[in-house]
Amino acid sequence: MSEPANCQRRPTAATKRYLVRIAAAMVIYIASLFAAETFIEDGGLSGAPAYILASIPGLSFAAVIWAFGALIVEEQDEFFRLLYVRQGLIATTIALTAAAVWGFLETYMPVEHIRAFWWPTLWCGGIAVGAVFNKVKYGTFGEIR
């Protein structure tokens, strides 16, 4: 590994691109969510335009996951790439396990339905959990200064 375990570093070009991509995805997510609430829920928009508009917030989540994958691919430092891969695996494990367990609970037990958009939201939270695991194991979240 090319970085000491307790290192901090300045943002790399890959990190800067990641932050821009995440910010853009979140702006699109919030704007499209607001538009869907306004035009579909309150305004009665229907048909193909409603389906397209209702899909945009979900596609924004796909952009978040793509941005995270691009960070892994573009990161030149092997140690930080390891940290990001670990975070992604931990997040994926948390989200898919929770979705599977809850899906079986919904099938066999009288529990409330959880809307599917919460699973990628949980994945994003899992990225933070993965960062904590990295801090415990390697002494760094992958911080930048």
C-alpha atoms as a PDB file:
ATOM      1  CA  MET A   1       0.000   0.000   0.000  1.00  0.00           C
ATOM      2  CA  SER A   2       1.354   3.382  -0.894  1.00  0.00           C
ATOM      3  CA  GLU A   3      -0.097   5.476   1.960  1.00  0.00           C
ATOM      4  CA  PRO A   4       0.485   5.108   5.706  1.00  0.00           C
ATOM      5  CA  ALA A   5      -2.596   4.024   7.629  1.00  0.00           C
ATOM      6  CA  ASN A   6      -3.127   7.339   9.421  1.00  0.00           C
ATOM      7  CA  CYS A   7      -2.592   9.590   6.413  1.00  0.00           C
ATOM      8  CA  GLN A   8      -4.504  12.625   5.338  1.00  0.00           C
ATOM      9  CA  ARG A   9      -4.093  14.175   1.949  1.00  0.00           C
ATOM     10  CA  ARG A  10      -5.258  16.961  -0.275  1.00  0.00           C
ATOM     11  CA  PRO A  11      -8.141  16.245  -2.651  1.00  0.00           C
ATOM     12  CA  THR A  12      -6.962  14.508  -5.795  1.00  0.00           C
ATOM     13  CA  ALA A  13      -8.365  15.203  -9.257  1.00  0.00           C
ATOM     14  CA  ALA A  14     -10.424  11.992  -8.917  1.00  0.00           C
ATOM     15  CA  THR A  15     -11.834  13.153  -5.576  1.00  0.00           C
ATOM     16  CA  LYS A  16     -12.705  16.578  -6.959  1.00  0.00           C
ATOM     17  CA  ARG A  17     -14.510  15.008  -9.929  1.00  0.00           C
ATOM     18  CA  TYR A  18     -16.345  12.679  -7.531  1.00  0.00           C
ATOM     19  CA  LEU A  19     -17.533  15.592  -5.404  1.00  0.00           C
ATOM     20  CA  VAL A  20     -18.735  17.509  -8.483  1.00  0.00           C
ATOM     21  CA  ARG A  21     -20.565  14.425  -9.771  1.00  0.00           C
ATOM     22  CA  ILE A  22     -22.223  13.775  -6.413  1.00  0.00           C
ATOM     23  CA  ALA A  23     -23.263  17.429  -6.107  1.00  0.00           C
ATOM     24  CA  ALA A  24     -24.748  17.367  -9.619  1.00  0.00           C
ATOM     25  CA  ALA A  25     -26.616  14.120  -8.918  1.00  0.00           C
ATOM     26  CA  MET A  26     -28.032  15.537  -5.684  1.00  0.00           C
ATOM     27  CA  VAL A  27     -29.133  18.778  -7.360  1.00  0.00           C
ATOM     28  CA  ILE A  28     -30.926  16.760 -10.045  1.00  0.00           C
ATOM     29  CA  TYR A  29     -32.406  14.461  -7.382  1.00  0.00           C
ATOM     30  CA  ILE A  30     -33.815  17.288  -5.284  1.00  0.00           C
ATOM     31  CA  ALA A  31     -35.048  19.289  -8.283  1.00  0.00           C
ATOM     32  CA  SER A  32     -36.716  16.269  -9.876  1.00  0.00           C
ATOM     33  CA  LEU A  33     -38.258  15.185  -6.583  1.00  0.00           C
ATOM     34  CA  PHE A  34     -39.686  18.685  -6.110  1.00  0.00           C
ATOM     35  CA  ALA A  35     -40.935  18.700  -9.716  1.00  0.00           C
ATOM     36  CA  ALA A  36     -42.560  15.265  -9.329  1.00  0.00           C
ATOM     37  CA  GLU A  37     -44.315  16.330  -6.132  1.00  0.00           C
ATOM     38  CA  THR A  38     -45.464  19.571  -7.750  1.00  0.00           C
ATOM     39  CA  PHE A  39     -46.526  18.323 -11.170  1.00  0.00           C
ATOM     40  CA  ILE A  40     -47.588  14.727 -10.517  1.00  0.00           C
ATOM     41  CA  GLU A  41     -48.869  14.752  -6.942  1.00  0.00           C
ATOM     42  CA  ASP A  42     -50.303  18.271  -6.847  1.00  0.00           C
ATOM     43  CA  GLY A  43     -50.782  19.090 -10.534  1.00  0.00           C
ATOM     44  CA  GLY A  44     -52.178  15.808 -11.813  1.00  0.00           C
ATOM     45  CA  LEU A  45     -49.565  15.258 -14.525  1.00  0.00           C
ATOM     46  CA  SER A  46     -50.109  11.824 -16.062  1.00  0.00           C
ATOM     47  CA  GLY A  47     -49.097   9.603 -18.939  1.00  0.00           C
ATOM     48  CA  ALA A  48     -45.611   9.356 -20.413  1.00  0.00           C
ATOM     49  CA  PRO A  49     -44.410  12.727 -19.041  1.00  0.00           C
ATOM     50  CA  ALA A  50     -45.328  11.612 -15.512  1.00  0.00           C
ATOM     51  CA  TYR A  51     -43.489   8.303 -15.926  1.00  0.00           C
ATOM     52  CA  ILE A  52     -40.405  10.101 -17.217  1.00  0.00           C
ATOM     53  CA  LEU A  53     -40.473  12.687 -14.426  1.00  0.00           C
ATOM     54  CA  ALA A  54     -41.076  10.022 -11.759  1.00  0.00           C
ATOM     55  CA  SER A  55     -38.039   8.084 -13.030  1.00  0.00           C
ATOM     56  CA  ILE A  56     -35.562  10.943 -12.748  1.00  0.00           C
ATOM     57  CA  PRO A  57     -35.040  10.811  -8.938  1.00  0.00           C
ATOM     58  CA  GLY A  58     -34.240   7.088  -9.206  1.00  0.00           C
ATOM     59  CA  LEU A  59     -31.848   7.680 -12.078  1.00  0.00           C
ATOM     60  CA  SER A  60     -30.155  10.290  -9.884  1.00  0.00           C
ATOM     61  CA  PHE A  61     -29.457   7.520  -7.372  1.00  0.00           C
ATOM     62  CA  ALA A  62     -27.917   5.503 -10.194  1.00  0.00           C
ATOM     63  CA  ALA A  63     -25.692   8.509 -10.906  1.00  0.00           C
ATOM     64  CA  VAL A  64     -24.521   8.489  -7.270  1.00  0.00           C
ATOM     65  CA  ILE A  65     -23.521   4.842  -7.516  1.00  0.00           C
ATOM     66  CA  TRP A  66     -21.864   5.458 -10.897  1.00  0.00           C
ATOM     67  CA  ALA A  67     -19.923   8.411  -9.404  1.00  0.00           C
ATOM     68  CA  PHE A  68     -18.696   6.192  -6.577  1.00  0.00           C
ATOM     69  CA  GLY A  69     -17.600   3.522  -9.061  1.00  0.00           C
ATOM     70  CA  ALA A  70     -15.858   6.156 -11.182  1.00  0.00           C
ATOM     71  CA  LEU A  71     -13.983   7.312  -8.074  1.00  0.00           C
ATOM     72  CA  ILE A  72     -12.686   3.778  -7.557  1.00  0.00           C
ATOM     73  CA  VAL A  73     -11.630   3.473 -11.193  1.00  0.00           C
ATOM     74  CA  GLU A  74     -10.018   6.931 -11.373  1.00  0.00           C
ATOM     75  CA  GLU A  75      -8.256   6.849  -7.989  1.00  0.00           C
ATOM     76  CA  GLN A  76      -4.527   6.331  -8.558  1.00  0.00           C
ATOM     77  CA  ASP A  77      -3.565   5.514  -4.975  1.00  0.00           C
ATOM     78  CA  GLU A  78      -4.011   1.812  -4.238  1.00  0.00           C
ATOM     79  CA  PHE A  79      -4.584   2.337  -0.523  1.00  0.00           C
ATOM     80  CA  PHE A  80      -7.415   4.798  -1.045  1.00  0.00           C
ATOM     81  CA  ARG A  81      -8.873   2.615  -3.793  1.00  0.00           C
ATOM     82  CA  LEU A  82      -8.914  -0.224  -1.231  1.00  0.00           C
ATOM     83  CA  LEU A  83     -10.751   2.013   1.232  1.00  0.00           C
ATOM     84  CA  TYR A  84     -13.383   2.954  -1.357  1.00  0.00           C
ATOM     85  CA  VAL A  85     -13.888  -0.641  -2.481  1.00  0.00           C
ATOM     86  CA  ARG A  86     -14.346  -1.724   1.160  1.00  0.00           C
ATOM     87  CA  GLN A  87     -16.862   1.069   1.707  1.00  0.00           C
ATOM     88  CA  GLY A  88     -18.817   0.039  -1.377  1.00  0.00           C
ATOM     89  CA  LEU A  89     -18.862  -3.629  -0.398  1.00  0.00           C
ATOM     90  CA  ILE A  90     -19.992  -2.831   3.132  1.00  0.00           C
ATOM     91  CA  ALA A  91     -22.706  -0.490   1.850  1.00  0.00           C
ATOM     92  CA  THR A  92     -23.900  -3.050  -0.694  1.00  0.00           C
ATOM     93  CA  THR A  93     -23.976  -5.794   1.940  1.00  0.00           C
ATOM     94  CA  ILE A  94     -26.030  -3.639   4.296  1.00  0.00           C
ATOM     95  CA  ALA A  95     -28.531  -2.486   1.666  1.00  0.00           C
ATOM     96  CA  LEU A  96     -29.056  -5.804  -0.118  1.00  0.00           C
ATOM     97  CA  THR A  97     -29.258  -7.800   3.109  1.00  0.00           C
ATOM     98  CA  ALA A  98     -31.783  -5.375   4.578  1.00  0.00           C
ATOM     99  CA  ALA A  99     -33.839  -5.461   1.357  1.00  0.00           C
ATOM    100  CA  ALA A 100     -33.819  -9.264   1.234  1.00  0.00           C
ATOM    101  CA  VAL A 101     -34.685  -9.701   4.914  1.00  0.00           C
ATOM    102  CA  TRP A 102     -37.465  -7.115   4.743  1.00  0.00           C
ATOM    103  CA  GLY A 103     -38.778  -8.640   1.515  1.00  0.00           C
ATOM    104  CA  PHE A 104     -39.151 -12.012   3.208  1.00  0.00           C
ATOM    105  CA  LEU A 105     -40.732 -10.398   6.245  1.00  0.00           C
ATOM    106  CA  GLU A 106     -43.265  -8.720   3.920  1.00  0.00           C
ATOM    107  CA  THR A 107     -43.935 -12.060   2.264  1.00  0.00           C
ATOM    108  CA  TYR A 108     -44.458 -14.102   5.419  1.00  0.00           C
ATOM    109  CA  MET A 109     -45.261 -11.664   8.227  1.00  0.00           C
ATOM    110  CA  PRO A 110     -47.680  -8.790   8.725  1.00  0.00           C
ATOM    111  CA  VAL A 111     -45.142  -5.955   8.473  1.00  0.00           C
ATOM    112  CA  GLU A 112     -45.434  -2.579   6.777  1.00  0.00           C
ATOM    113  CA  HIS A 113     -44.326  -2.253   3.168  1.00  0.00           C
ATOM    114  CA  ILE A 114     -41.135  -0.249   2.622  1.00  0.00           C
ATOM    115  CA  ARG A 115     -40.915   1.654  -0.643  1.00  0.00           C
ATOM    116  CA  ALA A 116     -38.043   0.512  -2.836  1.00  0.00           C
ATOM    117  CA  PHE A 117     -36.359   3.927  -3.001  1.00  0.00           C
ATOM    118  CA  TRP A 118     -35.258   3.489   0.618  1.00  0.00           C
ATOM    119  CA  TRP A 119     -32.827   0.679  -0.310  1.00  0.00           C
ATOM    120  CA  PRO A 120     -30.400   2.899  -2.272  1.00  0.00           C
ATOM    121  CA  THR A 121     -30.835   5.508   0.460  1.00  0.00           C
ATOM    122  CA  LEU A 122     -29.684   2.853   2.914  1.00  0.00           C
ATOM    123  CA  TRP A 123     -26.744   2.104   0.581  1.00  0.00           C
ATOM    124  CA  CYS A 124     -25.642   5.739   0.850  1.00  0.00           C
ATOM    125  CA  GLY A 125     -25.766   5.447   4.636  1.00  0.00           C
ATOM    126  CA  GLY A 126     -23.777   2.235   4.320  1.00  0.00           C
ATOM    127  CA  ILE A 127     -20.988   4.210   2.653  1.00  0.00           C
ATOM    128  CA  ALA A 128     -20.645   6.118   5.937  1.00  0.00           C
ATOM    129  CA  VAL A 129     -20.670   2.857   7.911  1.00  0.00           C
ATOM    130  CA  GLY A 130     -17.932   1.557   5.600  1.00  0.00           C
ATOM    131  CA  ALA A 131     -15.881   4.680   6.290  1.00  0.00           C
ATOM    132  CA  VAL A 132     -16.139   3.995  10.023  1.00  0.00           C
ATOM    133  CA  PHE A 133     -15.033   0.386   9.461  1.00  0.00           C
ATOM    134  CA  ASN A 134     -12.061   1.740   7.491  1.00  0.00           C
ATOM    135  CA  LYS A 135     -11.177   4.102  10.333  1.00  0.00           C
ATOM    136  CA  VAL A 136     -11.261   1.237  12.836  1.00  0.00           C
ATOM    137  CA  LYS A 137      -9.243  -1.185  10.666  1.00  0.00           C
ATOM    138  CA  TYR A 138      -6.822   1.183   8.897  1.00  0.00           C
ATOM    139  CA  GLY A 139      -6.853   4.315  11.039  1.00  0.00           C
ATOM    140  CA  THR A 140      -8.354   6.563   8.362  1.00  0.00           C
ATOM    141  CA  PHE A 141     -11.729   7.323   6.839  1.00  0.00           C
ATOM    142  CA  GLY A 142      -9.890   8.268   3.660  1.00  0.00           C
ATOM    143  CA  GLU A 143      -9.970  11.882   4.809  1.00  0.00           C
ATOM    144  CA  ILE A 144      -8.946  14.762   2.657  1.00  0.00           C
ATOM    145  CA  ARG A 145      -7.812  18.158   3.800  1.00  0.00           C
END
